[in-house]
Amino acid sequence: MKIMILNGPNLNLLGERDSNTYGSDTLSDIEKLVRDSFQEVDFIFIQSNHEGDLVDAIHSARGGTVNAIVANWGGYTHSSVAIHDALELLKIPKVEVHLSNIHAREEFRERSITGKAMNGIITGFGKNSYLLGVEAALKLAADN
């Protein structure tokens, strides 16, 4: 089983950003947690602050090279039609995750453009959102 975990803009600065909202773990800490929790899964971790790089990564998941995607699109969640459109081309399970509860924050964060092209969204469980996202992706992949 191969799962691609995509992280959007500013997530490379976890641990430095508002710890009340995003926690104190770095992105590397979260990647280690995911790897240690699901040792049977082959993970591809990609983080980019550039929308086109994320679209390219989604395109690379086509053709059976990846079994599922778990993604935190960061700010692109609320603005990226390009990522949404690329996701619609994928027939594999796709789970969106967020560290904070996007529905308890600013009004503009409540809307997920990318989420409309995902199987589901897990939001508000801190670093555990990633673990829950992988668990959901594994269950969805097993059902396919």
N, C-alpha and C. Protein backbone atom coordinates (compact mmCIF):
# COMPACT_ATOMS: atom_id res chain seq x y z
N MET A 1 0.85 -1.18 0.00
CA MET A 1 0.00 0.00 0.00
C MET A 1 0.89 1.24 0.00
N LYS A 2 0.60 2.14 -0.93
CA LYS A 2 1.37 3.38 -1.03
C LYS A 2 0.40 4.56 -0.90
N ILE A 3 0.70 5.45 0.07
CA ILE A 3 -0.12 6.63 0.31
C ILE A 3 0.75 7.87 0.16
N MET A 4 0.24 8.82 -0.64
CA MET A 4 0.91 10.11 -0.80
C MET A 4 0.28 11.09 0.20
N ILE A 5 1.14 11.73 0.98
CA ILE A 5 0.66 12.76 1.90
C ILE A 5 1.18 14.10 1.41
N LEU A 6 0.23 14.96 1.05
CA LEU A 6 0.55 16.27 0.48
C LEU A 6 0.27 17.36 1.51
N ASN A 7 1.18 18.31 1.60
CA ASN A 7 1.03 19.45 2.50
C ASN A 7 1.27 20.73 1.74
N GLY A 8 0.36 21.67 1.90
CA GLY A 8 0.42 22.92 1.16
C GLY A 8 1.22 24.00 1.85
N PRO A 9 0.96 25.25 1.45
CA PRO A 9 1.77 26.39 1.87
C PRO A 9 1.80 26.60 3.39
N ASN A 10 2.97 26.98 3.83
CA ASN A 10 3.27 27.36 5.21
C ASN A 10 3.31 26.19 6.19
N LEU A 11 2.96 25.00 5.75
CA LEU A 11 3.02 23.86 6.66
C LEU A 11 4.47 23.45 6.95
N ASN A 12 5.39 23.90 6.12
CA ASN A 12 6.80 23.69 6.41
C ASN A 12 7.25 24.47 7.64
N LEU A 13 6.43 25.42 8.09
CA LEU A 13 6.76 26.24 9.25
C LEU A 13 6.03 25.80 10.52
N LEU A 14 5.41 24.61 10.49
CA LEU A 14 4.78 24.11 11.71
C LEU A 14 5.85 24.03 12.80
N GLY A 15 5.45 24.31 14.02
CA GLY A 15 6.38 24.38 15.13
C GLY A 15 6.82 25.81 15.38
N GLU A 16 6.76 26.65 14.35
CA GLU A 16 7.07 28.07 14.47
C GLU A 16 5.79 28.91 14.41
N ARG A 17 4.77 28.40 13.74
CA ARG A 17 3.52 29.13 13.58
C ARG A 17 2.72 29.10 14.88
N ASP A 18 1.64 29.76 14.91
CA ASP A 18 0.75 29.88 16.07
C ASP A 18 0.49 28.50 16.70
N SER A 19 1.16 28.22 17.81
CA SER A 19 1.03 26.89 18.43
C SER A 19 -0.35 26.67 19.04
N ASN A 20 -1.06 27.74 19.38
CA ASN A 20 -2.42 27.58 19.90
C ASN A 20 -3.36 27.04 18.83
N THR A 21 -3.08 27.37 17.59
CA THR A 21 -3.92 26.91 16.48
C THR A 21 -3.40 25.62 15.87
N TYR A 22 -2.08 25.53 15.68
CA TYR A 22 -1.50 24.43 14.91
C TYR A 22 -0.70 23.42 15.73
N GLY A 23 -0.55 23.66 17.02
CA GLY A 23 0.25 22.77 17.85
C GLY A 23 1.72 23.11 17.76
N SER A 24 2.53 22.38 18.50
CA SER A 24 3.96 22.68 18.56
C SER A 24 4.80 21.72 17.74
N ASP A 25 4.19 20.70 17.17
CA ASP A 25 4.94 19.73 16.37
C ASP A 25 5.35 20.33 15.03
N THR A 26 6.51 19.93 14.55
CA THR A 26 6.95 20.30 13.21
C THR A 26 6.34 19.34 12.20
N LEU A 27 6.45 19.69 10.94
CA LEU A 27 5.98 18.78 9.90
C LEU A 27 6.78 17.48 9.93
N SER A 28 8.07 17.56 10.22
CA SER A 28 8.90 16.35 10.36
C SER A 28 8.41 15.47 11.50
N ASP A 29 8.00 16.10 12.61
CA ASP A 29 7.45 15.33 13.74
C ASP A 29 6.19 14.57 13.31
N ILE A 30 5.34 15.24 12.55
CA ILE A 30 4.10 14.61 12.10
C ILE A 30 4.40 13.48 11.13
N GLU A 31 5.34 13.69 10.22
CA GLU A 31 5.72 12.63 9.28
C GLU A 31 6.24 11.41 10.04
N LYS A 32 7.07 11.63 11.05
CA LYS A 32 7.60 10.51 11.85
C LYS A 32 6.46 9.79 12.57
N LEU A 33 5.53 10.54 13.14
CA LEU A 33 4.38 9.94 13.82
C LEU A 33 3.60 9.05 12.86
N VAL A 34 3.36 9.54 11.66
CA VAL A 34 2.60 8.77 10.67
C VAL A 34 3.37 7.50 10.28
N ARG A 35 4.64 7.65 9.98
CA ARG A 35 5.45 6.48 9.60
C ARG A 35 5.48 5.44 10.72
N ASP A 36 5.71 5.90 11.95
CA ASP A 36 5.79 4.99 13.09
C ASP A 36 4.45 4.31 13.37
N SER A 37 3.35 5.00 13.10
CA SER A 37 2.01 4.46 13.38
C SER A 37 1.53 3.48 12.32
N PHE A 38 2.05 3.60 11.11
CA PHE A 38 1.61 2.75 10.01
C PHE A 38 2.84 2.21 9.28
N GLN A 39 3.57 1.34 9.96
CA GLN A 39 4.85 0.85 9.42
C GLN A 39 4.67 -0.02 8.18
N GLU A 40 3.48 -0.54 7.98
CA GLU A 40 3.23 -1.40 6.82
C GLU A 40 2.94 -0.61 5.55
N VAL A 41 2.80 0.69 5.67
CA VAL A 41 2.45 1.55 4.54
C VAL A 41 3.71 2.25 4.02
N ASP A 42 3.80 2.32 2.70
CA ASP A 42 4.87 3.08 2.04
C ASP A 42 4.34 4.49 1.79
N PHE A 43 4.95 5.49 2.43
CA PHE A 43 4.48 6.87 2.32
C PHE A 43 5.38 7.68 1.41
N ILE A 44 4.74 8.57 0.68
CA ILE A 44 5.43 9.61 -0.08
C ILE A 44 4.96 10.92 0.54
N PHE A 45 5.88 11.69 1.12
CA PHE A 45 5.55 12.97 1.73
C PHE A 45 6.03 14.09 0.82
N ILE A 46 5.12 14.99 0.51
CA ILE A 46 5.45 16.16 -0.32
C ILE A 46 4.86 17.40 0.34
N GLN A 47 5.69 18.42 0.48
CA GLN A 47 5.22 19.72 0.95
C GLN A 47 5.67 20.75 -0.05
N SER A 48 4.76 21.63 -0.42
CA SER A 48 5.13 22.72 -1.32
C SER A 48 4.32 23.96 -1.00
N ASN A 49 4.97 25.10 -1.17
CA ASN A 49 4.29 26.38 -1.05
C ASN A 49 3.77 26.85 -2.40
N HIS A 50 3.91 26.00 -3.42
CA HIS A 50 3.56 26.38 -4.79
C HIS A 50 2.42 25.50 -5.32
N GLU A 51 1.37 26.14 -5.72
CA GLU A 51 0.16 25.44 -6.18
C GLU A 51 0.46 24.48 -7.33
N GLY A 52 1.24 24.92 -8.30
CA GLY A 52 1.54 24.07 -9.45
C GLY A 52 2.29 22.81 -9.07
N ASP A 53 3.17 22.89 -8.08
CA ASP A 53 3.89 21.70 -7.61
C ASP A 53 2.91 20.69 -7.02
N LEU A 54 1.91 21.17 -6.31
CA LEU A 54 0.91 20.28 -5.72
C LEU A 54 0.04 19.65 -6.81
N VAL A 55 -0.31 20.43 -7.83
CA VAL A 55 -1.06 19.88 -8.96
C VAL A 55 -0.23 18.81 -9.66
N ASP A 56 1.06 19.06 -9.86
CA ASP A 56 1.94 18.07 -10.48
C ASP A 56 2.00 16.79 -9.64
N ALA A 57 2.05 16.94 -8.32
CA ALA A 57 2.08 15.76 -7.45
C ALA A 57 0.79 14.96 -7.58
N ILE A 58 -0.34 15.64 -7.65
CA ILE A 58 -1.62 14.95 -7.85
C ILE A 58 -1.60 14.20 -9.16
N HIS A 59 -1.14 14.84 -10.22
CA HIS A 59 -1.06 14.18 -11.53
C HIS A 59 -0.17 12.95 -11.47
N SER A 60 0.90 13.01 -10.68
CA SER A 60 1.82 11.86 -10.59
C SER A 60 1.19 10.66 -9.89
N ALA A 61 0.08 10.90 -9.17
CA ALA A 61 -0.60 9.81 -8.47
C ALA A 61 -1.54 9.02 -9.38
N ARG A 62 -1.67 9.46 -10.62
CA ARG A 62 -2.55 8.76 -11.56
C ARG A 62 -1.86 7.50 -12.07
N GLY A 63 -2.63 6.58 -12.59
CA GLY A 63 -2.06 5.40 -13.24
C GLY A 63 -1.63 4.29 -12.30
N GLY A 64 -2.15 4.28 -11.09
CA GLY A 64 -1.90 3.15 -10.20
C GLY A 64 -0.60 3.20 -9.41
N THR A 65 0.10 4.32 -9.44
CA THR A 65 1.36 4.41 -8.70
C THR A 65 1.14 4.65 -7.22
N VAL A 66 -0.04 5.18 -6.87
CA VAL A 66 -0.38 5.50 -5.49
C VAL A 66 -1.78 4.97 -5.22
N ASN A 67 -1.99 4.43 -4.01
CA ASN A 67 -3.29 3.85 -3.66
C ASN A 67 -4.26 4.83 -3.03
N ALA A 68 -3.72 5.92 -2.44
CA ALA A 68 -4.59 6.91 -1.78
C ALA A 68 -3.79 8.19 -1.55
N ILE A 69 -4.52 9.27 -1.33
CA ILE A 69 -3.92 10.57 -0.99
C ILE A 69 -4.55 11.06 0.30
N VAL A 70 -3.69 11.56 1.19
CA VAL A 70 -4.12 12.30 2.37
C VAL A 70 -3.48 13.67 2.22
N ALA A 71 -4.26 14.73 2.38
CA ALA A 71 -3.71 16.05 2.09
C ALA A 71 -4.21 17.13 3.03
N ASN A 72 -3.29 18.00 3.40
CA ASN A 72 -3.60 19.25 4.08
C ASN A 72 -3.20 20.35 3.11
N TRP A 73 -4.16 20.95 2.47
CA TRP A 73 -3.88 21.94 1.42
C TRP A 73 -3.54 23.30 1.98
N GLY A 74 -3.57 23.47 3.31
CA GLY A 74 -3.29 24.77 3.89
C GLY A 74 -4.25 25.81 3.31
N GLY A 75 -3.75 26.99 3.02
CA GLY A 75 -4.57 28.08 2.50
C GLY A 75 -5.20 27.78 1.16
N TYR A 76 -4.63 26.85 0.39
CA TYR A 76 -5.23 26.50 -0.90
C TYR A 76 -6.57 25.80 -0.74
N THR A 77 -6.85 25.29 0.45
CA THR A 77 -8.14 24.66 0.73
C THR A 77 -9.29 25.58 0.33
N HIS A 78 -9.11 26.85 0.60
CA HIS A 78 -10.19 27.82 0.46
C HIS A 78 -10.15 28.58 -0.86
N SER A 79 -9.16 28.27 -1.71
CA SER A 79 -8.99 29.12 -2.89
C SER A 79 -8.62 28.41 -4.19
N SER A 80 -8.22 27.14 -4.14
CA SER A 80 -7.62 26.55 -5.33
C SER A 80 -8.59 25.71 -6.18
N VAL A 81 -9.05 26.33 -7.23
CA VAL A 81 -9.83 25.60 -8.22
C VAL A 81 -8.92 24.63 -8.98
N ALA A 82 -7.66 25.01 -9.19
CA ALA A 82 -6.72 24.16 -9.92
C ALA A 82 -6.48 22.84 -9.18
N ILE A 83 -6.29 22.89 -7.87
CA ILE A 83 -6.11 21.65 -7.11
C ILE A 83 -7.40 20.85 -7.13
N HIS A 84 -8.53 21.49 -6.94
CA HIS A 84 -9.83 20.81 -7.02
C HIS A 84 -9.97 20.06 -8.33
N ASP A 85 -9.69 20.74 -9.45
CA ASP A 85 -9.86 20.12 -10.76
C ASP A 85 -8.91 18.95 -10.97
N ALA A 86 -7.67 19.06 -10.48
CA ALA A 86 -6.73 17.95 -10.59
C ALA A 86 -7.21 16.75 -9.76
N LEU A 87 -7.75 17.01 -8.59
CA LEU A 87 -8.25 15.93 -7.73
C LEU A 87 -9.40 15.18 -8.37
N GLU A 88 -10.24 15.88 -9.11
CA GLU A 88 -11.38 15.22 -9.74
C GLU A 88 -10.96 14.15 -10.74
N LEU A 89 -9.73 14.22 -11.25
CA LEU A 89 -9.23 13.23 -12.20
C LEU A 89 -8.83 11.92 -11.53
N LEU A 90 -8.62 11.94 -10.22
CA LEU A 90 -8.15 10.76 -9.50
C LEU A 90 -9.31 9.87 -9.09
N LYS A 91 -9.14 8.58 -9.29
CA LYS A 91 -10.16 7.61 -8.90
C LYS A 91 -9.80 6.90 -7.60
N ILE A 92 -8.68 7.28 -6.99
CA ILE A 92 -8.26 6.65 -5.74
C ILE A 92 -8.86 7.42 -4.55
N PRO A 93 -8.85 6.81 -3.35
CA PRO A 93 -9.35 7.51 -2.16
C PRO A 93 -8.53 8.77 -1.87
N LYS A 94 -9.24 9.81 -1.46
CA LYS A 94 -8.62 11.11 -1.16
C LYS A 94 -9.25 11.64 0.12
N VAL A 95 -8.41 11.91 1.12
CA VAL A 95 -8.89 12.39 2.41
C VAL A 95 -8.18 13.71 2.73
N GLU A 96 -8.97 14.73 3.01
CA GLU A 96 -8.42 16.03 3.40
C GLU A 96 -8.32 16.10 4.91
N VAL A 97 -7.21 16.65 5.41
CA VAL A 97 -7.03 16.78 6.85
C VAL A 97 -6.63 18.22 7.20
N HIS A 98 -7.01 18.62 8.39
CA HIS A 98 -6.63 19.93 8.92
C HIS A 98 -6.31 19.79 10.40
N LEU A 99 -5.25 20.44 10.83
CA LEU A 99 -4.86 20.42 12.24
C LEU A 99 -5.90 21.14 13.09
N SER A 100 -6.33 22.30 12.64
CA SER A 100 -7.32 23.09 13.38
C SER A 100 -8.72 22.79 12.85
N ASN A 101 -9.71 23.18 13.63
CA ASN A 101 -11.09 23.03 13.19
C ASN A 101 -11.43 24.23 12.30
N ILE A 102 -11.45 24.00 10.99
CA ILE A 102 -11.66 25.11 10.06
C ILE A 102 -13.03 25.76 10.24
N HIS A 103 -13.96 25.07 10.87
CA HIS A 103 -15.30 25.62 11.07
C HIS A 103 -15.40 26.48 12.33
N ALA A 104 -14.34 26.50 13.12
CA ALA A 104 -14.32 27.30 14.34
C ALA A 104 -13.40 28.51 14.19
N ARG A 105 -13.00 28.81 12.96
CA ARG A 105 -12.06 29.90 12.71
C ARG A 105 -12.75 30.99 11.89
N GLU A 106 -11.96 31.77 11.18
CA GLU A 106 -12.52 32.84 10.36
C GLU A 106 -13.51 32.27 9.35
N GLU A 107 -14.49 33.09 9.01
CA GLU A 107 -15.55 32.63 8.11
C GLU A 107 -15.02 32.11 6.78
N PHE A 108 -14.00 32.77 6.21
CA PHE A 108 -13.50 32.34 4.91
C PHE A 108 -12.87 30.95 4.97
N ARG A 109 -12.44 30.50 6.15
CA ARG A 109 -11.82 29.18 6.28
C ARG A 109 -12.84 28.05 6.35
N GLU A 110 -14.10 28.38 6.55
CA GLU A 110 -15.12 27.34 6.67
C GLU A 110 -15.40 26.64 5.35
N ARG A 111 -15.10 27.29 4.25
CA ARG A 111 -15.39 26.73 2.92
C ARG A 111 -14.16 26.01 2.38
N SER A 112 -14.34 24.77 1.98
CA SER A 112 -13.25 24.00 1.39
C SER A 112 -13.57 23.73 -0.08
N ILE A 113 -12.91 24.46 -0.95
CA ILE A 113 -13.06 24.21 -2.39
C ILE A 113 -12.48 22.84 -2.73
N THR A 114 -11.33 22.52 -2.16
CA THR A 114 -10.68 21.23 -2.45
C THR A 114 -11.49 20.07 -1.88
N GLY A 115 -12.14 20.29 -0.76
CA GLY A 115 -12.91 19.23 -0.11
C GLY A 115 -14.02 18.66 -0.97
N LYS A 116 -14.52 19.46 -1.90
CA LYS A 116 -15.59 18.98 -2.78
C LYS A 116 -15.11 17.86 -3.70
N ALA A 117 -13.79 17.74 -3.87
CA ALA A 117 -13.24 16.69 -4.72
C ALA A 117 -12.61 15.56 -3.91
N MET A 118 -12.80 15.58 -2.59
CA MET A 118 -12.24 14.57 -1.70
C MET A 118 -13.34 13.62 -1.24
N ASN A 119 -12.96 12.46 -0.74
CA ASN A 119 -13.94 11.54 -0.17
C ASN A 119 -14.48 12.05 1.16
N GLY A 120 -13.63 12.75 1.90
CA GLY A 120 -14.04 13.27 3.19
C GLY A 120 -12.99 14.21 3.76
N ILE A 121 -13.38 14.87 4.86
CA ILE A 121 -12.51 15.85 5.51
C ILE A 121 -12.47 15.56 7.00
N ILE A 122 -11.25 15.53 7.54
CA ILE A 122 -11.04 15.38 8.98
C ILE A 122 -10.40 16.67 9.47
N THR A 123 -11.04 17.33 10.42
CA THR A 123 -10.58 18.66 10.81
C THR A 123 -10.66 18.85 12.32
N GLY A 124 -9.59 19.41 12.89
CA GLY A 124 -9.65 19.83 14.27
C GLY A 124 -9.02 18.91 15.30
N PHE A 125 -8.33 17.87 14.88
CA PHE A 125 -7.76 16.92 15.83
C PHE A 125 -6.25 17.03 15.95
N GLY A 126 -5.71 18.19 15.59
CA GLY A 126 -4.27 18.38 15.67
C GLY A 126 -3.53 17.36 14.82
N LYS A 127 -2.37 16.92 15.30
CA LYS A 127 -1.58 15.95 14.53
C LYS A 127 -2.34 14.64 14.33
N ASN A 128 -3.29 14.35 15.21
CA ASN A 128 -4.09 13.13 15.05
C ASN A 128 -4.98 13.17 13.82
N SER A 129 -5.23 14.36 13.27
CA SER A 129 -5.98 14.44 12.02
C SER A 129 -5.28 13.63 10.92
N TYR A 130 -3.96 13.66 10.92
CA TYR A 130 -3.21 12.89 9.92
C TYR A 130 -3.38 11.39 10.14
N LEU A 131 -3.33 10.95 11.39
CA LEU A 131 -3.51 9.52 11.68
C LEU A 131 -4.92 9.07 11.29
N LEU A 132 -5.91 9.88 11.63
CA LEU A 132 -7.29 9.55 11.26
C LEU A 132 -7.46 9.57 9.74
N GLY A 133 -6.77 10.49 9.07
CA GLY A 133 -6.84 10.56 7.61
C GLY A 133 -6.25 9.33 6.95
N VAL A 134 -5.12 8.86 7.46
CA VAL A 134 -4.51 7.64 6.92
C VAL A 134 -5.42 6.44 7.18
N GLU A 135 -5.97 6.37 8.39
CA GLU A 135 -6.89 5.28 8.71
C GLU A 135 -8.08 5.27 7.75
N ALA A 136 -8.66 6.43 7.50
CA ALA A 136 -9.79 6.52 6.57
C ALA A 136 -9.37 6.13 5.16
N ALA A 137 -8.20 6.59 4.72
CA ALA A 137 -7.72 6.24 3.38
C ALA A 137 -7.51 4.74 3.24
N LEU A 138 -6.98 4.11 4.28
CA LEU A 138 -6.78 2.66 4.24
C LEU A 138 -8.10 1.91 4.14
N LYS A 139 -9.07 2.36 4.90
CA LYS A 139 -10.41 1.72 4.84
C LYS A 139 -11.07 1.92 3.49
N LEU A 140 -10.95 3.12 2.95
CA LEU A 140 -11.53 3.38 1.63
C LEU A 140 -10.83 2.55 0.55
N ALA A 141 -9.52 2.44 0.63
CA ALA A 141 -8.77 1.66 -0.36
C ALA A 141 -9.12 0.18 -0.26
N ALA A 142 -9.34 -0.32 0.95
CA ALA A 142 -9.70 -1.72 1.13
C ALA A 142 -11.09 -2.01 0.55
N ASP A 143 -11.95 -1.02 0.56
CA ASP A 143 -13.30 -1.19 0.04
C ASP A 143 -13.35 -1.13 -1.49
N ASN A 144 -12.30 -0.60 -2.12
CA ASN A 144 -12.30 -0.50 -3.59
C ASN A 144 -11.90 -1.80 -4.24
